[in-house]
Amino acid sequence: MSRRPVHLYRCVVNFTQSNRMFYVNSVRQLSDVEVRFRAVEKGVSNANVSGLSVTAADIIDIDFVYRGVM
């Protein structure tokens, strides 16, 4: 069984309280809007799991870099 290629994006979400770095992956290449949407969802979720109480309104900046196909 062959593995499907995965597009990888390195995201950094800056909140008022802290910064979060994580990866977003997809089976297809995403538009900038789609990457930002997924980064907001994942960034807020990761921050809340780690003990911060944040919402999307607390985001100051989102930065991402396309890392290629893995």
N, C-alpha and C. Protein backbone atom coordinates (compact mmCIF):
# COMPACT_ATOMS: atom_id res chain seq x y z
N MET A 1 0.84 -1.17 0.00
CA MET A 1 0.00 0.00 0.00
C MET A 1 0.89 1.24 0.00
N SER A 2 0.65 2.12 -0.95
CA SER A 2 1.46 3.33 -1.03
C SER A 2 0.82 4.45 -0.20
N ARG A 3 1.66 5.29 0.33
CA ARG A 3 1.21 6.41 1.14
C ARG A 3 0.90 7.60 0.27
N ARG A 4 -0.18 8.31 0.58
CA ARG A 4 -0.52 9.53 -0.15
C ARG A 4 0.41 10.66 0.24
N PRO A 5 0.84 11.47 -0.71
CA PRO A 5 1.67 12.63 -0.35
C PRO A 5 0.87 13.62 0.50
N VAL A 6 1.56 14.26 1.42
CA VAL A 6 0.93 15.22 2.33
C VAL A 6 1.65 16.55 2.22
N HIS A 7 0.89 17.63 2.02
CA HIS A 7 1.44 18.99 1.99
C HIS A 7 1.55 19.48 3.42
N LEU A 8 2.70 20.04 3.76
CA LEU A 8 2.98 20.44 5.13
C LEU A 8 3.21 21.95 5.22
N TYR A 9 2.60 22.58 6.24
CA TYR A 9 2.73 24.01 6.50
C TYR A 9 3.18 24.19 7.94
N ARG A 10 4.21 24.99 8.15
CA ARG A 10 4.66 25.35 9.50
C ARG A 10 3.97 26.65 9.88
N CYS A 11 3.21 26.64 10.95
CA CYS A 11 2.42 27.80 11.36
C CYS A 11 2.89 28.33 12.71
N VAL A 12 2.88 29.64 12.84
CA VAL A 12 3.13 30.31 14.11
C VAL A 12 1.96 31.26 14.36
N VAL A 13 1.30 31.05 15.49
CA VAL A 13 0.19 31.91 15.87
C VAL A 13 0.61 32.70 17.10
N ASN A 14 0.55 34.02 17.00
CA ASN A 14 0.92 34.91 18.11
C ASN A 14 -0.35 35.37 18.83
N PHE A 15 -0.45 34.97 20.09
CA PHE A 15 -1.55 35.43 20.93
C PHE A 15 -1.04 36.58 21.79
N THR A 16 -1.96 37.26 22.48
CA THR A 16 -1.54 38.33 23.37
C THR A 16 -0.68 37.79 24.51
N GLN A 17 -0.88 36.52 24.89
CA GLN A 17 -0.18 35.93 26.02
C GLN A 17 1.04 35.09 25.63
N SER A 18 1.04 34.50 24.45
CA SER A 18 2.14 33.59 24.07
C SER A 18 2.13 33.33 22.57
N ASN A 19 3.14 32.60 22.11
CA ASN A 19 3.23 32.17 20.72
C ASN A 19 3.10 30.66 20.66
N ARG A 20 2.49 30.16 19.60
CA ARG A 20 2.35 28.72 19.39
C ARG A 20 2.87 28.37 18.00
N MET A 21 3.73 27.35 17.93
CA MET A 21 4.23 26.86 16.65
C MET A 21 3.76 25.42 16.48
N PHE A 22 3.25 25.09 15.31
CA PHE A 22 2.76 23.75 15.04
C PHE A 22 2.70 23.55 13.53
N TYR A 23 2.40 22.34 13.13
CA TYR A 23 2.30 22.01 11.70
C TYR A 23 0.86 21.72 11.33
N VAL A 24 0.48 22.15 10.14
CA VAL A 24 -0.81 21.83 9.55
C VAL A 24 -0.51 21.02 8.30
N ASN A 25 -1.19 19.90 8.13
CA ASN A 25 -0.98 19.12 6.92
C ASN A 25 -2.29 18.88 6.19
N SER A 26 -2.17 18.57 4.90
CA SER A 26 -3.34 18.37 4.06
C SER A 26 -2.97 17.46 2.90
N VAL A 27 -3.96 16.74 2.39
CA VAL A 27 -3.70 15.87 1.24
C VAL A 27 -3.63 16.66 -0.07
N ARG A 28 -4.03 17.93 -0.02
CA ARG A 28 -3.90 18.80 -1.20
C ARG A 28 -3.30 20.13 -0.76
N GLN A 29 -2.76 20.87 -1.73
CA GLN A 29 -2.20 22.17 -1.39
C GLN A 29 -3.35 23.13 -1.08
N LEU A 30 -3.21 23.87 0.01
CA LEU A 30 -4.26 24.76 0.48
C LEU A 30 -4.02 26.20 0.03
N SER A 31 -5.11 26.96 -0.06
CA SER A 31 -4.98 28.39 -0.32
C SER A 31 -4.57 29.08 0.98
N ASP A 32 -4.14 30.32 0.88
CA ASP A 32 -3.75 31.10 2.07
C ASP A 32 -4.90 31.19 3.08
N VAL A 33 -6.11 31.39 2.58
CA VAL A 33 -7.28 31.52 3.45
C VAL A 33 -7.53 30.21 4.20
N GLU A 34 -7.41 29.09 3.50
CA GLU A 34 -7.62 27.78 4.13
C GLU A 34 -6.56 27.49 5.20
N VAL A 35 -5.31 27.85 4.92
CA VAL A 35 -4.25 27.62 5.90
C VAL A 35 -4.50 28.49 7.13
N ARG A 36 -4.85 29.74 6.93
CA ARG A 36 -5.13 30.64 8.07
C ARG A 36 -6.30 30.12 8.91
N PHE A 37 -7.35 29.64 8.26
CA PHE A 37 -8.51 29.10 8.97
C PHE A 37 -8.10 27.91 9.83
N ARG A 38 -7.34 26.99 9.25
CA ARG A 38 -6.89 25.82 10.02
C ARG A 38 -5.92 26.21 11.12
N ALA A 39 -5.09 27.21 10.87
CA ALA A 39 -4.14 27.67 11.89
C ALA A 39 -4.88 28.28 13.08
N VAL A 40 -5.94 29.03 12.82
CA VAL A 40 -6.74 29.61 13.91
C VAL A 40 -7.36 28.49 14.75
N GLU A 41 -8.00 27.53 14.08
CA GLU A 41 -8.63 26.42 14.80
C GLU A 41 -7.63 25.65 15.66
N LYS A 42 -6.52 25.27 15.03
CA LYS A 42 -5.53 24.45 15.73
C LYS A 42 -4.79 25.26 16.80
N GLY A 43 -4.48 26.51 16.52
CA GLY A 43 -3.78 27.35 17.48
C GLY A 43 -4.60 27.59 18.75
N VAL A 44 -5.87 27.90 18.59
CA VAL A 44 -6.75 28.13 19.74
C VAL A 44 -6.91 26.83 20.53
N SER A 45 -7.12 25.73 19.81
CA SER A 45 -7.27 24.44 20.48
C SER A 45 -6.02 24.05 21.27
N ASN A 46 -4.85 24.17 20.64
CA ASN A 46 -3.59 23.83 21.31
C ASN A 46 -3.35 24.70 22.54
N ALA A 47 -3.62 25.99 22.42
CA ALA A 47 -3.41 26.91 23.54
C ALA A 47 -4.34 26.58 24.70
N ASN A 48 -5.59 26.29 24.41
CA ASN A 48 -6.55 25.96 25.47
C ASN A 48 -6.22 24.64 26.14
N VAL A 49 -5.75 23.66 25.38
CA VAL A 49 -5.36 22.37 25.95
C VAL A 49 -4.18 22.55 26.90
N SER A 50 -3.28 23.48 26.57
CA SER A 50 -2.10 23.69 27.42
C SER A 50 -2.37 24.60 28.61
N GLY A 51 -3.61 25.01 28.81
CA GLY A 51 -3.95 25.77 30.01
C GLY A 51 -4.26 27.23 29.81
N LEU A 52 -4.00 27.77 28.63
CA LEU A 52 -4.37 29.17 28.38
C LEU A 52 -5.85 29.25 28.05
N SER A 53 -6.46 30.33 28.36
CA SER A 53 -7.86 30.54 28.00
C SER A 53 -7.90 31.62 26.93
N VAL A 54 -7.89 31.19 25.66
CA VAL A 54 -7.84 32.14 24.55
C VAL A 54 -8.96 31.85 23.55
N THR A 55 -9.25 32.86 22.75
CA THR A 55 -10.18 32.72 21.64
C THR A 55 -9.50 33.27 20.39
N ALA A 56 -10.17 33.17 19.27
CA ALA A 56 -9.63 33.70 18.02
C ALA A 56 -9.41 35.21 18.11
N ALA A 57 -10.17 35.89 18.95
CA ALA A 57 -10.03 37.34 19.11
C ALA A 57 -8.70 37.73 19.76
N ASP A 58 -8.06 36.78 20.44
CA ASP A 58 -6.78 37.04 21.10
C ASP A 58 -5.58 36.91 20.16
N ILE A 59 -5.83 36.51 18.93
CA ILE A 59 -4.74 36.33 17.97
C ILE A 59 -4.27 37.69 17.46
N ILE A 60 -2.96 37.90 17.54
CA ILE A 60 -2.36 39.13 17.05
C ILE A 60 -1.89 38.94 15.60
N ASP A 61 -1.26 37.80 15.34
CA ASP A 61 -0.67 37.58 14.02
C ASP A 61 -0.61 36.08 13.74
N ILE A 62 -0.72 35.72 12.46
CA ILE A 62 -0.55 34.34 12.00
C ILE A 62 0.47 34.35 10.89
N ASP A 63 1.46 33.50 11.02
CA ASP A 63 2.49 33.37 9.99
C ASP A 63 2.59 31.90 9.62
N PHE A 64 2.77 31.61 8.34
CA PHE A 64 2.94 30.23 7.94
C PHE A 64 3.88 30.14 6.74
N VAL A 65 4.52 28.99 6.64
CA VAL A 65 5.46 28.72 5.55
C VAL A 65 5.13 27.36 4.99
N TYR A 66 5.01 27.29 3.67
CA TYR A 66 4.79 26.01 3.01
C TYR A 66 6.10 25.24 3.03
N ARG A 67 6.09 24.03 3.59
CA ARG A 67 7.32 23.24 3.74
C ARG A 67 7.47 22.17 2.67
N GLY A 68 6.47 21.99 1.82
CA GLY A 68 6.58 21.04 0.73
C GLY A 68 5.76 19.78 0.95
N VAL A 69 6.00 18.81 0.08
CA VAL A 69 5.28 17.55 0.11
C VAL A 69 6.12 16.52 0.84
N MET A 70 5.50 15.84 1.77
CA MET A 70 6.20 14.79 2.52
C MET A 70 5.73 13.43 2.06
